[in-house]
């Protein structure tokens, strides 16, 4: 099983097809093409999946992946 450099050993590397699908999904929600998904874009993405996150929930989600927060 291949893993990404620096990733936990339990996380397999994504195939090229999976990476392409992830990029397409990311680009769909990165409305301003900034290369990142801000809190409002994240809210809209989650709402499209039937979720209604509060601002606190969004900030918590972002803080788990954005180490600059």
Protein backbone atom coordinates (compact mmCIF):
# COMPACT_ATOMS: atom_id res chain seq x y z
CA UNK A 1 0.00 0.00 0.00
CA UNK A 2 1.46 3.37 -1.05
CA UNK A 3 1.19 6.33 1.28
CA UNK A 4 1.78 10.01 0.81
CA UNK A 5 5.05 11.42 2.19
CA UNK A 6 4.45 12.64 5.73
CA UNK A 7 0.99 11.06 5.87
CA UNK A 8 -0.08 8.56 8.48
CA UNK A 9 0.77 5.05 7.34
CA UNK A 10 -2.90 4.06 7.48
CA UNK A 11 -3.84 6.52 4.73
CA UNK A 12 -3.42 5.07 1.22
CA UNK A 13 -2.32 7.33 -1.62
CA UNK A 14 -5.08 8.38 -4.00
CA UNK A 15 -5.09 7.11 -7.56
CA UNK A 16 -4.86 9.61 -10.43
CA UNK A 17 -8.60 9.17 -11.05
CA UNK A 18 -9.39 9.86 -7.39
CA UNK A 19 -7.15 12.95 -7.45
CA UNK A 20 -8.92 14.23 -10.57
CA UNK A 21 -12.32 13.72 -8.93
CA UNK A 22 -11.14 15.48 -5.75
CA UNK A 23 -9.85 18.44 -7.81
CA UNK A 24 -13.17 18.71 -9.65
CA UNK A 25 -15.09 18.67 -6.38
CA UNK A 26 -12.73 21.23 -4.84
CA UNK A 27 -12.99 23.52 -7.87
CA UNK A 28 -16.78 23.32 -7.73
CA UNK A 29 -16.80 24.82 -4.23
CA UNK A 30 -13.84 27.21 -4.68
CA UNK A 31 -16.14 29.74 -6.34
CA UNK A 32 -13.62 32.59 -6.46
CA UNK A 33 -10.82 30.31 -7.75
CA UNK A 34 -8.59 31.44 -4.88
CA UNK A 35 -7.10 27.99 -4.37
CA UNK A 36 -8.73 27.65 -0.97
CA UNK A 37 -12.24 27.20 0.35
CA UNK A 38 -13.23 29.94 2.77
CA UNK A 39 -15.83 29.66 5.49
CA UNK A 40 -18.66 30.89 3.25
CA UNK A 41 -17.77 28.49 0.44
CA UNK A 42 -17.56 25.66 2.99
CA UNK A 43 -20.98 26.62 4.36
CA UNK A 44 -22.47 26.57 0.87
CA UNK A 45 -20.84 23.18 0.13
CA UNK A 46 -22.23 21.68 3.34
CA UNK A 47 -25.65 23.20 2.71
CA UNK A 48 -25.67 21.55 -0.72
CA UNK A 49 -25.36 18.25 1.18
CA UNK A 50 -28.30 19.05 3.46
CA UNK A 51 -26.28 20.36 6.42
CA UNK A 52 -26.83 23.66 8.24
CA UNK A 53 -23.61 24.32 10.15
CA UNK A 54 -23.37 27.20 12.59
CA UNK A 55 -20.49 29.66 12.35
CA UNK A 56 -18.88 27.99 15.37
CA UNK A 57 -19.12 24.57 13.71
CA UNK A 58 -17.56 25.95 10.53
CA UNK A 59 -14.71 27.51 12.48
CA UNK A 60 -14.12 24.22 14.28
CA UNK A 61 -14.05 22.27 11.01
CA UNK A 62 -11.63 24.75 9.48
CA UNK A 63 -9.38 24.74 12.55
CA UNK A 64 -8.90 20.97 12.16
CA UNK A 65 -7.33 21.36 8.70
CA UNK A 66 -5.98 24.92 8.62
CA UNK A 67 -2.97 25.00 10.93
CA UNK A 68 -2.61 28.78 10.48
CA UNK A 69 -5.75 29.37 12.59
